[in-house]
Amino acid sequence: MKKLTIAIALFFSVLAAQAQTKTAPAVADKDDDQESMAKTYLSQIMGVALSATSNMKLFNFVHDWIGTPYRFGGSSRKGIDCSAFTKQLYGDVFNLTIRRNSRDIFSMVNPVGKDDLKEGDLVFFKIHSRSISHVGIYLGNNRFAHASSRGVAISSLDDAYYSRYFYKGGRLLEQFKDQLTSSNSDSSNDPDNN
């Protein structure tokens, strides 16, 4: 009888050990499934194929702000302009403080051709102007996020309007990444025209 009790106890401890071993991967699988579902959802909404290397913080930030109304000089959820949106995104997603207007932001980047743009790069436009008047953040698949006159939205560089006014892409220079602090450039509050 004692041997039978020990055998039953051993059998149940082996089952319990197997159940614990199977539970751990299931939790990891659940997290992977949730991230995969989030990527699929954001991919469909934004029209950008998200990969394993995609910055989910970037895409979640953009998703949270979509539909925020445009307001010239605005910098809140009640209304925001393109440079304030870009500044807010770079602060929240990349932990970098950039300048406040699109022309000043352009002075902080290394120009990049349209075909060389990467996720998180900046896109600059000269809309009805000889100088840069609009900025957005490149998401991939020729899509970019920006605060347009219709509010925060995702648009395509292939759209005839944006294609016509596209000026250059830009990638933040390493020297600025190293030098930027949260107190820098708050003195420049000149908002953009668009």
N, C-alpha and C. Protein backbone atom coordinates (compact mmCIF):
# COMPACT_ATOMS: atom_id res chain seq x y z
N MET A 1 0.81 -1.19 0.00
CA MET A 1 0.00 0.00 0.00
C MET A 1 0.86 1.26 0.00
N LYS A 2 1.95 1.21 0.76
CA LYS A 2 2.85 2.35 0.82
C LYS A 2 3.48 2.60 -0.55
N LYS A 3 3.85 1.53 -1.27
CA LYS A 3 4.44 1.66 -2.60
C LYS A 3 3.42 2.26 -3.58
N LEU A 4 2.16 1.84 -3.45
CA LEU A 4 1.12 2.37 -4.33
C LEU A 4 0.92 3.88 -4.09
N THR A 5 0.92 4.31 -2.84
CA THR A 5 0.76 5.73 -2.51
C THR A 5 1.93 6.54 -3.07
N ILE A 6 3.14 6.02 -2.93
CA ILE A 6 4.33 6.70 -3.46
C ILE A 6 4.26 6.77 -4.98
N ALA A 7 3.83 5.70 -5.62
CA ALA A 7 3.72 5.67 -7.08
C ALA A 7 2.68 6.69 -7.56
N ILE A 8 1.54 6.79 -6.87
CA ILE A 8 0.50 7.75 -7.24
C ILE A 8 1.01 9.18 -7.04
N ALA A 9 1.69 9.41 -5.92
CA ALA A 9 2.23 10.75 -5.64
C ALA A 9 3.27 11.11 -6.70
N LEU A 10 4.13 10.17 -7.08
CA LEU A 10 5.14 10.40 -8.11
C LEU A 10 4.47 10.69 -9.45
N PHE A 11 3.43 9.95 -9.78
CA PHE A 11 2.71 10.14 -11.03
C PHE A 11 2.12 11.56 -11.10
N PHE A 12 1.47 11.99 -9.99
CA PHE A 12 0.87 13.33 -9.98
C PHE A 12 1.93 14.42 -10.00
N SER A 13 3.08 14.22 -9.38
CA SER A 13 4.14 15.25 -9.44
C SER A 13 4.73 15.35 -10.84
N VAL A 14 4.82 14.22 -11.56
CA VAL A 14 5.29 14.28 -12.95
C VAL A 14 4.26 15.04 -13.80
N LEU A 15 2.98 14.77 -13.61
CA LEU A 15 1.93 15.49 -14.35
C LEU A 15 1.97 16.99 -14.03
N ALA A 16 2.15 17.32 -12.76
CA ALA A 16 2.21 18.73 -12.38
C ALA A 16 3.42 19.42 -13.02
N ALA A 17 4.55 18.73 -13.06
CA ALA A 17 5.76 19.30 -13.67
C ALA A 17 5.54 19.52 -15.17
N GLN A 18 4.90 18.56 -15.83
CA GLN A 18 4.61 18.71 -17.25
C GLN A 18 3.64 19.86 -17.50
N ALA A 19 2.65 19.99 -16.65
CA ALA A 19 1.67 21.08 -16.79
C ALA A 19 2.34 22.43 -16.64
N GLN A 20 3.28 22.54 -15.67
CA GLN A 20 4.00 23.80 -15.48
C GLN A 20 4.88 24.10 -16.69
N THR A 21 5.50 23.09 -17.25
CA THR A 21 6.36 23.27 -18.41
C THR A 21 5.54 23.75 -19.60
N LYS A 22 4.34 23.20 -19.76
CA LYS A 22 3.49 23.61 -20.87
C LYS A 22 2.88 24.99 -20.64
N THR A 23 2.68 25.39 -19.39
CA THR A 23 2.07 26.68 -19.09
C THR A 23 3.00 27.84 -19.46
N ALA A 24 4.28 27.73 -19.18
CA ALA A 24 5.21 28.83 -19.45
C ALA A 24 5.23 29.21 -20.93
N PRO A 25 5.38 28.26 -21.88
CA PRO A 25 5.34 28.66 -23.27
C PRO A 25 3.98 29.22 -23.68
N ALA A 26 2.91 28.74 -23.08
CA ALA A 26 1.59 29.24 -23.44
C ALA A 26 1.48 30.73 -23.11
N VAL A 27 2.06 31.16 -21.99
CA VAL A 27 2.05 32.58 -21.64
C VAL A 27 2.85 33.37 -22.66
N ALA A 28 4.02 32.87 -23.03
CA ALA A 28 4.83 33.54 -24.05
C ALA A 28 4.08 33.58 -25.38
N ASP A 29 3.41 32.47 -25.71
CA ASP A 29 2.63 32.43 -26.94
C ASP A 29 1.50 33.45 -26.91
N LYS A 30 0.87 33.63 -25.75
CA LYS A 30 -0.22 34.60 -25.61
C LYS A 30 0.31 36.02 -25.85
N ASP A 31 1.48 36.36 -25.28
CA ASP A 31 2.08 37.67 -25.50
C ASP A 31 2.43 37.87 -26.97
N ASP A 32 3.00 36.82 -27.58
CA ASP A 32 3.33 36.90 -29.00
C ASP A 32 2.07 37.08 -29.84
N ASP A 33 1.00 36.37 -29.48
CA ASP A 33 -0.26 36.49 -30.20
C ASP A 33 -0.83 37.90 -30.09
N GLN A 34 -0.77 38.48 -28.88
CA GLN A 34 -1.29 39.84 -28.69
C GLN A 34 -0.48 40.84 -29.50
N GLU A 35 0.86 40.71 -29.49
CA GLU A 35 1.68 41.62 -30.27
C GLU A 35 1.41 41.44 -31.76
N SER A 36 1.25 40.19 -32.19
CA SER A 36 0.96 39.92 -33.59
C SER A 36 -0.39 40.53 -33.99
N MET A 37 -1.40 40.40 -33.10
CA MET A 37 -2.71 40.99 -33.39
C MET A 37 -2.61 42.52 -33.46
N ALA A 38 -1.82 43.12 -32.56
CA ALA A 38 -1.65 44.58 -32.57
C ALA A 38 -0.97 45.01 -33.87
N LYS A 39 0.04 44.27 -34.28
CA LYS A 39 0.74 44.61 -35.53
C LYS A 39 -0.19 44.47 -36.73
N THR A 40 -1.00 43.42 -36.74
CA THR A 40 -1.94 43.22 -37.84
C THR A 40 -2.95 44.36 -37.88
N TYR A 41 -3.49 44.72 -36.72
CA TYR A 41 -4.46 45.81 -36.64
C TYR A 41 -3.85 47.12 -37.13
N LEU A 42 -2.68 47.47 -36.61
CA LEU A 42 -2.05 48.72 -37.00
C LEU A 42 -1.64 48.69 -38.47
N SER A 43 -1.22 47.53 -38.96
CA SER A 43 -0.87 47.40 -40.37
C SER A 43 -2.07 47.73 -41.26
N GLN A 44 -3.23 47.21 -40.88
CA GLN A 44 -4.44 47.45 -41.67
C GLN A 44 -4.87 48.90 -41.60
N ILE A 45 -4.82 49.49 -40.41
CA ILE A 45 -5.25 50.88 -40.22
C ILE A 45 -4.31 51.83 -40.97
N MET A 46 -3.01 51.57 -40.86
CA MET A 46 -2.03 52.52 -41.38
C MET A 46 -1.55 52.21 -42.79
N GLY A 47 -1.86 51.03 -43.27
CA GLY A 47 -1.43 50.67 -44.61
C GLY A 47 0.07 50.43 -44.70
N VAL A 48 0.67 50.02 -43.59
CA VAL A 48 2.10 49.77 -43.53
C VAL A 48 2.31 48.36 -43.00
N ALA A 49 3.13 47.59 -43.66
CA ALA A 49 3.43 46.24 -43.19
C ALA A 49 4.41 46.33 -42.02
N LEU A 50 3.96 45.97 -40.83
CA LEU A 50 4.83 46.01 -39.66
C LEU A 50 5.61 44.72 -39.56
N SER A 51 6.90 44.85 -39.31
CA SER A 51 7.76 43.67 -39.21
C SER A 51 8.18 43.48 -37.76
N ALA A 52 8.96 42.43 -37.53
CA ALA A 52 9.47 42.17 -36.19
C ALA A 52 10.35 43.31 -35.70
N THR A 53 10.94 44.06 -36.62
CA THR A 53 11.83 45.16 -36.23
C THR A 53 11.11 46.50 -36.14
N SER A 54 9.82 46.53 -36.44
CA SER A 54 9.08 47.79 -36.39
C SER A 54 9.01 48.32 -34.97
N ASN A 55 9.06 49.64 -34.86
CA ASN A 55 8.99 50.31 -33.57
C ASN A 55 7.51 50.44 -33.19
N MET A 56 7.03 49.52 -32.36
CA MET A 56 5.61 49.52 -31.98
C MET A 56 5.24 50.79 -31.21
N LYS A 57 6.19 51.35 -30.48
CA LYS A 57 5.92 52.59 -29.74
C LYS A 57 5.57 53.72 -30.72
N LEU A 58 6.27 53.76 -31.85
CA LEU A 58 5.99 54.75 -32.88
C LEU A 58 4.57 54.58 -33.43
N PHE A 59 4.23 53.37 -33.80
CA PHE A 59 2.92 53.12 -34.41
C PHE A 59 1.78 53.30 -33.40
N ASN A 60 2.00 52.92 -32.16
CA ASN A 60 0.97 53.15 -31.14
C ASN A 60 0.77 54.64 -30.89
N PHE A 61 1.87 55.41 -30.87
CA PHE A 61 1.77 56.85 -30.69
C PHE A 61 0.93 57.46 -31.81
N VAL A 62 1.26 57.12 -33.04
CA VAL A 62 0.53 57.66 -34.19
C VAL A 62 -0.94 57.28 -34.10
N HIS A 63 -1.22 56.02 -33.81
CA HIS A 63 -2.60 55.56 -33.71
C HIS A 63 -3.37 56.35 -32.65
N ASP A 64 -2.73 56.62 -31.51
CA ASP A 64 -3.40 57.36 -30.44
C ASP A 64 -3.74 58.80 -30.84
N TRP A 65 -2.95 59.39 -31.74
CA TRP A 65 -3.16 60.79 -32.10
C TRP A 65 -4.02 60.98 -33.35
N ILE A 66 -4.26 59.92 -34.11
CA ILE A 66 -5.04 60.06 -35.35
C ILE A 66 -6.39 60.70 -35.03
N GLY A 67 -6.73 61.70 -35.85
CA GLY A 67 -8.00 62.40 -35.68
C GLY A 67 -7.91 63.65 -34.82
N THR A 68 -6.77 63.86 -34.14
CA THR A 68 -6.62 65.10 -33.37
C THR A 68 -6.73 66.27 -34.33
N PRO A 69 -7.55 67.28 -34.02
CA PRO A 69 -7.74 68.40 -34.94
C PRO A 69 -6.46 69.20 -35.17
N TYR A 70 -6.39 69.81 -36.34
CA TYR A 70 -5.28 70.72 -36.66
C TYR A 70 -5.57 72.08 -36.06
N ARG A 71 -4.55 72.68 -35.47
CA ARG A 71 -4.66 74.06 -35.01
C ARG A 71 -3.29 74.71 -35.17
N PHE A 72 -3.23 75.75 -35.97
CA PHE A 72 -1.98 76.48 -36.18
C PHE A 72 -1.45 76.96 -34.83
N GLY A 73 -0.21 76.60 -34.52
CA GLY A 73 0.41 76.98 -33.26
C GLY A 73 0.01 76.10 -32.09
N GLY A 74 -0.91 75.14 -32.33
CA GLY A 74 -1.38 74.26 -31.26
C GLY A 74 -0.37 73.18 -30.92
N SER A 75 -0.44 72.73 -29.68
CA SER A 75 0.48 71.67 -29.26
C SER A 75 -0.16 70.74 -28.24
N SER A 76 -1.48 70.53 -28.37
CA SER A 76 -2.17 69.64 -27.44
C SER A 76 -3.18 68.79 -28.21
N ARG A 77 -3.86 67.93 -27.48
CA ARG A 77 -4.88 67.08 -28.09
C ARG A 77 -6.10 67.88 -28.56
N LYS A 78 -6.22 69.10 -28.08
CA LYS A 78 -7.32 69.95 -28.54
C LYS A 78 -7.05 70.49 -29.94
N GLY A 79 -5.79 70.53 -30.33
CA GLY A 79 -5.40 71.01 -31.64
C GLY A 79 -3.88 71.10 -31.72
N ILE A 80 -3.33 70.63 -32.82
CA ILE A 80 -1.87 70.56 -32.95
C ILE A 80 -1.47 70.84 -34.39
N ASP A 81 -0.30 71.44 -34.58
CA ASP A 81 0.19 71.64 -35.95
C ASP A 81 1.28 70.61 -36.23
N CYS A 82 1.78 70.63 -37.47
CA CYS A 82 2.69 69.57 -37.91
C CYS A 82 3.99 69.51 -37.12
N SER A 83 4.59 70.66 -36.85
CA SER A 83 5.87 70.63 -36.15
C SER A 83 5.71 70.26 -34.67
N ALA A 84 4.61 70.68 -34.06
CA ALA A 84 4.36 70.29 -32.67
C ALA A 84 4.10 68.79 -32.57
N PHE A 85 3.37 68.25 -33.55
CA PHE A 85 3.12 66.80 -33.57
C PHE A 85 4.45 66.05 -33.70
N THR A 86 5.30 66.52 -34.60
CA THR A 86 6.60 65.87 -34.82
C THR A 86 7.46 65.98 -33.56
N LYS A 87 7.48 67.14 -32.96
CA LYS A 87 8.24 67.36 -31.73
C LYS A 87 7.74 66.44 -30.61
N GLN A 88 6.41 66.35 -30.46
CA GLN A 88 5.82 65.48 -29.43
C GLN A 88 6.17 64.02 -29.68
N LEU A 89 6.07 63.59 -30.93
CA LEU A 89 6.38 62.21 -31.28
C LEU A 89 7.83 61.89 -30.97
N TYR A 90 8.75 62.75 -31.39
CA TYR A 90 10.17 62.49 -31.14
C TYR A 90 10.48 62.48 -29.64
N GLY A 91 9.79 63.30 -28.87
CA GLY A 91 10.00 63.29 -27.43
C GLY A 91 9.48 62.02 -26.78
N ASP A 92 8.26 61.62 -27.14
CA ASP A 92 7.63 60.45 -26.51
C ASP A 92 8.19 59.12 -27.02
N VAL A 93 8.46 59.03 -28.30
CA VAL A 93 8.88 57.75 -28.89
C VAL A 93 10.39 57.56 -28.84
N PHE A 94 11.15 58.61 -29.16
CA PHE A 94 12.61 58.47 -29.25
C PHE A 94 13.35 59.15 -28.10
N ASN A 95 12.60 59.78 -27.19
CA ASN A 95 13.19 60.46 -26.04
C ASN A 95 14.18 61.55 -26.48
N LEU A 96 13.83 62.25 -27.54
CA LEU A 96 14.66 63.34 -28.06
C LEU A 96 13.82 64.61 -28.17
N THR A 97 14.42 65.70 -27.82
CA THR A 97 13.74 66.99 -27.96
C THR A 97 14.28 67.65 -29.22
N ILE A 98 13.38 67.89 -30.16
CA ILE A 98 13.79 68.55 -31.40
C ILE A 98 13.20 69.94 -31.43
N ARG A 99 13.59 70.71 -32.40
CA ARG A 99 13.14 72.10 -32.50
C ARG A 99 11.65 72.18 -32.85
N ARG A 100 11.10 73.39 -32.81
CA ARG A 100 9.65 73.56 -32.87
C ARG A 100 9.08 73.82 -34.26
N ASN A 101 9.86 74.32 -35.22
CA ASN A 101 9.25 74.51 -36.54
C ASN A 101 9.99 73.70 -37.60
N SER A 102 9.30 73.45 -38.70
CA SER A 102 9.81 72.52 -39.71
C SER A 102 11.13 72.98 -40.31
N ARG A 103 11.32 74.27 -40.50
CA ARG A 103 12.60 74.75 -41.06
C ARG A 103 13.75 74.50 -40.08
N ASP A 104 13.50 74.74 -38.80
CA ASP A 104 14.53 74.49 -37.79
C ASP A 104 14.80 73.00 -37.63
N ILE A 105 13.75 72.19 -37.73
CA ILE A 105 13.93 70.74 -37.65
C ILE A 105 14.79 70.26 -38.82
N PHE A 106 14.54 70.83 -40.01
CA PHE A 106 15.32 70.43 -41.18
C PHE A 106 16.81 70.70 -40.98
N SER A 107 17.15 71.74 -40.23
CA SER A 107 18.56 72.06 -39.98
C SER A 107 19.23 71.01 -39.09
N MET A 108 18.45 70.12 -38.49
CA MET A 108 18.98 69.09 -37.60
C MET A 108 19.13 67.73 -38.27
N VAL A 109 18.84 67.65 -39.57
CA VAL A 109 18.83 66.35 -40.23
C VAL A 109 19.86 66.26 -41.34
N ASN A 110 20.17 65.04 -41.67
CA ASN A 110 20.97 64.73 -42.85
C ASN A 110 19.94 64.41 -43.94
N PRO A 111 19.93 65.17 -45.05
CA PRO A 111 18.94 64.90 -46.10
C PRO A 111 19.02 63.46 -46.62
N VAL A 112 17.85 62.90 -46.89
CA VAL A 112 17.73 61.53 -47.35
C VAL A 112 16.78 61.52 -48.54
N GLY A 113 17.12 60.78 -49.58
CA GLY A 113 16.25 60.67 -50.75
C GLY A 113 14.99 59.89 -50.43
N LYS A 114 13.97 60.09 -51.22
CA LYS A 114 12.68 59.42 -51.01
C LYS A 114 12.83 57.90 -50.99
N ASP A 115 13.71 57.37 -51.83
CA ASP A 115 13.90 55.92 -51.90
C ASP A 115 14.70 55.36 -50.74
N ASP A 116 15.35 56.23 -49.96
CA ASP A 116 16.20 55.78 -48.85
C ASP A 116 15.56 56.00 -47.48
N LEU A 117 14.30 56.43 -47.46
CA LEU A 117 13.63 56.70 -46.19
C LEU A 117 13.44 55.43 -45.38
N LYS A 118 13.60 55.57 -44.07
CA LYS A 118 13.38 54.47 -43.14
C LYS A 118 12.36 54.90 -42.10
N GLU A 119 11.74 53.92 -41.48
CA GLU A 119 10.77 54.15 -40.42
C GLU A 119 11.34 55.12 -39.39
N GLY A 120 10.60 56.19 -39.09
CA GLY A 120 11.04 57.18 -38.11
C GLY A 120 11.75 58.37 -38.70
N ASP A 121 12.12 58.30 -39.99
CA ASP A 121 12.73 59.47 -40.65
C ASP A 121 11.69 60.57 -40.79
N LEU A 122 12.16 61.75 -41.12
CA LEU A 122 11.28 62.89 -41.30
C LEU A 122 11.09 63.18 -42.78
N VAL A 123 9.93 63.70 -43.13
CA VAL A 123 9.66 64.11 -44.51
C VAL A 123 9.26 65.57 -44.49
N PHE A 124 9.83 66.33 -45.43
CA PHE A 124 9.64 67.78 -45.47
C PHE A 124 8.99 68.18 -46.79
N PHE A 125 8.15 69.21 -46.71
CA PHE A 125 7.40 69.68 -47.87
C PHE A 125 7.51 71.20 -47.96
N LYS A 126 7.45 71.67 -49.20
CA LYS A 126 7.34 73.11 -49.48
C LYS A 126 5.97 73.30 -50.13
N ILE A 127 4.96 73.55 -49.29
CA ILE A 127 3.60 73.66 -49.77
C ILE A 127 3.27 75.14 -49.97
N HIS A 128 3.05 75.50 -51.24
CA HIS A 128 2.75 76.90 -51.61
C HIS A 128 3.77 77.86 -51.01
N SER A 129 5.04 77.46 -51.00
CA SER A 129 6.08 78.27 -50.37
C SER A 129 7.44 77.92 -50.96
N ARG A 130 8.35 78.86 -50.90
CA ARG A 130 9.73 78.59 -51.33
C ARG A 130 10.54 77.97 -50.22
N SER A 131 10.02 78.04 -48.99
CA SER A 131 10.74 77.44 -47.87
C SER A 131 9.92 76.28 -47.31
N ILE A 132 10.56 75.48 -46.50
CA ILE A 132 9.88 74.33 -45.91
C ILE A 132 8.74 74.82 -45.05
N SER A 133 7.56 74.23 -45.25
CA SER A 133 6.38 74.67 -44.51
C SER A 133 5.62 73.53 -43.86
N HIS A 134 6.09 72.29 -44.04
CA HIS A 134 5.35 71.14 -43.49
C HIS A 134 6.32 70.00 -43.23
N VAL A 135 6.04 69.24 -42.15
CA VAL A 135 6.89 68.10 -41.78
C VAL A 135 6.01 66.95 -41.31
N GLY A 136 6.49 65.73 -41.56
CA GLY A 136 5.80 64.53 -41.08
C GLY A 136 6.82 63.47 -40.73
N ILE A 137 6.34 62.33 -40.26
CA ILE A 137 7.21 61.22 -39.85
C ILE A 137 6.93 60.03 -40.76
N TYR A 138 7.99 59.51 -41.36
CA TYR A 138 7.86 58.39 -42.29
C TYR A 138 7.57 57.10 -41.53
N LEU A 139 6.61 56.32 -42.03
CA LEU A 139 6.21 55.07 -41.39
C LEU A 139 6.62 53.83 -42.18
N GLY A 140 6.91 54.01 -43.46
CA GLY A 140 7.19 52.86 -44.33
C GLY A 140 6.14 52.78 -45.42
N ASN A 141 6.43 52.02 -46.48
CA ASN A 141 5.48 51.80 -47.57
C ASN A 141 4.98 53.13 -48.16
N ASN A 142 5.87 54.13 -48.20
CA ASN A 142 5.56 55.48 -48.69
C ASN A 142 4.47 56.19 -47.90
N ARG A 143 4.22 55.76 -46.69
CA ARG A 143 3.23 56.40 -45.82
C ARG A 143 3.93 57.24 -44.75
N PHE A 144 3.27 58.33 -44.36
CA PHE A 144 3.82 59.17 -43.30
C PHE A 144 2.68 59.71 -42.45
N ALA A 145 3.00 59.98 -41.18
CA ALA A 145 2.05 60.56 -40.25
C ALA A 145 2.35 62.04 -40.12
N HIS A 146 1.29 62.83 -40.00
CA HIS A 146 1.48 64.28 -39.89
C HIS A 146 0.20 64.93 -39.40
N ALA A 147 0.33 66.17 -38.96
CA ALA A 147 -0.84 66.97 -38.61
C ALA A 147 -1.15 67.83 -39.83
N SER A 148 -2.13 67.40 -40.58
CA SER A 148 -2.53 68.12 -41.80
C SER A 148 -3.66 69.07 -41.47
N SER A 149 -4.10 69.81 -42.45
CA SER A 149 -5.23 70.73 -42.23
C SER A 149 -6.49 69.97 -41.83
N ARG A 150 -6.54 68.68 -42.11
CA ARG A 150 -7.68 67.84 -41.71
C ARG A 150 -7.46 67.17 -40.36
N GLY A 151 -6.34 67.46 -39.69
CA GLY A 151 -6.01 66.85 -38.41
C GLY A 151 -4.91 65.82 -38.57
N VAL A 152 -4.56 65.17 -37.48
CA VAL A 152 -3.50 64.15 -37.53
C VAL A 152 -4.00 62.99 -38.37
N ALA A 153 -3.19 62.63 -39.36
CA ALA A 153 -3.60 61.61 -40.32
C ALA A 153 -2.38 60.89 -40.86
N ILE A 154 -2.64 59.83 -41.59
CA ILE A 154 -1.60 59.11 -42.32
C ILE A 154 -1.88 59.34 -43.79
N SER A 155 -0.86 59.76 -44.50
CA SER A 155 -1.00 60.04 -45.93
C SER A 155 0.09 59.30 -46.69
N SER A 156 -0.03 59.31 -48.01
CA SER A 156 0.93 58.64 -48.87
C SER A 156 1.77 59.66 -49.62
N LEU A 157 3.06 59.39 -49.70
CA LEU A 157 3.94 60.24 -50.51
C LEU A 157 3.59 60.10 -51.99
N ASP A 158 2.88 59.04 -52.36
CA ASP A 158 2.47 58.83 -53.75
C ASP A 158 1.24 59.65 -54.11
N ASP A 159 0.52 60.18 -53.10
CA ASP A 159 -0.63 61.03 -53.36
C ASP A 159 -0.16 62.22 -54.20
N ALA A 160 -0.92 62.58 -55.21
CA ALA A 160 -0.51 63.64 -56.14
C ALA A 160 -0.16 64.94 -55.42
N TYR A 161 -0.95 65.30 -54.41
CA TYR A 161 -0.72 66.54 -53.68
C TYR A 161 0.63 66.51 -52.96
N TYR A 162 0.87 65.46 -52.17
CA TYR A 162 2.11 65.39 -51.39
C TYR A 162 3.31 65.11 -52.28
N SER A 163 3.11 64.36 -53.34
CA SER A 163 4.19 64.11 -54.28
C SER A 163 4.64 65.43 -54.93
N ARG A 164 3.69 66.28 -55.25
CA ARG A 164 3.99 67.56 -55.88
C ARG A 164 4.82 68.48 -54.98
N TYR A 165 4.51 68.48 -53.67
CA TYR A 165 5.16 69.41 -52.76
C TYR A 165 6.29 68.81 -51.92
N PHE A 166 6.53 67.50 -52.10
CA PHE A 166 7.62 66.86 -51.34
C PHE A 166 8.94 67.55 -51.64
N TYR A 167 9.69 67.85 -50.58
CA TYR A 167 11.00 68.48 -50.75
C TYR A 167 12.12 67.46 -50.53
N LYS A 168 12.26 66.97 -49.31
CA LYS A 168 13.30 65.98 -49.00
C LYS A 168 12.91 65.20 -47.75
N GLY A 169 13.56 64.06 -47.63
CA GLY A 169 13.48 63.32 -46.38
C GLY A 169 14.68 63.71 -45.52
N GLY A 170 14.64 63.36 -44.27
CA GLY A 170 15.75 63.68 -43.40
C GLY A 170 15.86 62.71 -42.25
N ARG A 171 17.10 62.45 -41.86
CA ARG A 171 17.39 61.57 -40.72
C ARG A 171 18.17 62.40 -39.71
N LEU A 172 17.73 62.40 -38.47
CA LEU A 172 18.36 63.21 -37.43
C LEU A 172 19.85 62.91 -37.35
N LEU A 173 20.65 63.96 -37.41
CA LEU A 173 22.11 63.81 -37.35
C LEU A 173 22.53 63.28 -35.98
N GLU A 174 23.52 62.40 -35.97
CA GLU A 174 24.01 61.81 -34.73
C GLU A 174 24.46 62.88 -33.74
N GLN A 175 25.06 63.96 -34.24
CA GLN A 175 25.55 65.00 -33.34
C GLN A 175 24.40 65.60 -32.53
N PHE A 176 23.20 65.71 -33.14
CA PHE A 176 22.06 66.24 -32.42
C PHE A 176 21.50 65.22 -31.45
N LYS A 177 21.52 63.95 -31.82
CA LYS A 177 21.05 62.91 -30.91
C LYS A 177 21.87 62.93 -29.63
N ASP A 178 23.17 63.17 -29.76
CA ASP A 178 24.05 63.19 -28.59
C ASP A 178 23.88 64.47 -27.77
N GLN A 179 23.58 65.59 -28.42
CA GLN A 179 23.54 66.88 -27.74
C GLN A 179 22.18 67.27 -27.19
N LEU A 180 21.12 66.67 -27.71
CA LEU A 180 19.76 67.12 -27.35
C LEU A 180 19.43 66.84 -25.89
N THR A 181 18.79 67.82 -25.27
CA THR A 181 18.28 67.66 -23.92
C THR A 181 16.85 68.18 -23.89
N SER A 182 16.13 67.84 -22.86
CA SER A 182 14.72 68.25 -22.82
C SER A 182 14.54 69.75 -22.68
N SER A 183 15.53 70.48 -22.20
CA SER A 183 15.36 71.92 -22.05
C SER A 183 15.72 72.69 -23.32
N ASN A 184 16.34 72.05 -24.27
CA ASN A 184 16.84 72.67 -25.49
C ASN A 184 15.68 73.03 -26.41
N SER A 185 15.79 74.14 -27.07
CA SER A 185 14.92 74.62 -28.17
C SER A 185 13.48 74.94 -27.81
N ASP A 186 13.13 74.99 -26.54
CA ASP A 186 11.78 75.41 -26.18
C ASP A 186 11.60 76.91 -26.42
N SER A 187 12.71 77.62 -26.60
CA SER A 187 12.62 79.06 -26.82
C SER A 187 12.14 79.39 -28.24
N SER A 188 12.24 78.43 -29.15
CA SER A 188 11.79 78.67 -30.52
C SER A 188 10.36 78.19 -30.67
N ASN A 189 9.41 79.08 -30.58
CA ASN A 189 8.00 78.71 -30.65
C ASN A 189 7.34 79.18 -31.93
N ASP A 190 8.12 79.31 -33.00
CA ASP A 190 7.57 79.76 -34.27
C ASP A 190 6.90 78.59 -34.97
N PRO A 191 5.57 78.48 -34.93
CA PRO A 191 4.91 77.36 -35.58
C PRO A 191 4.95 77.49 -37.10
N ASP A 192 4.61 76.41 -37.74
CA ASP A 192 4.63 76.36 -39.21
C ASP A 192 3.39 76.98 -39.82
N ASN A 193 3.48 77.17 -41.12
CA ASN A 193 2.37 77.74 -41.87
C ASN A 193 1.26 76.74 -42.10
N ASN A 194 1.60 75.44 -42.14
CA ASN A 194 0.62 74.46 -42.57
C ASN A 194 0.39 73.42 -41.52
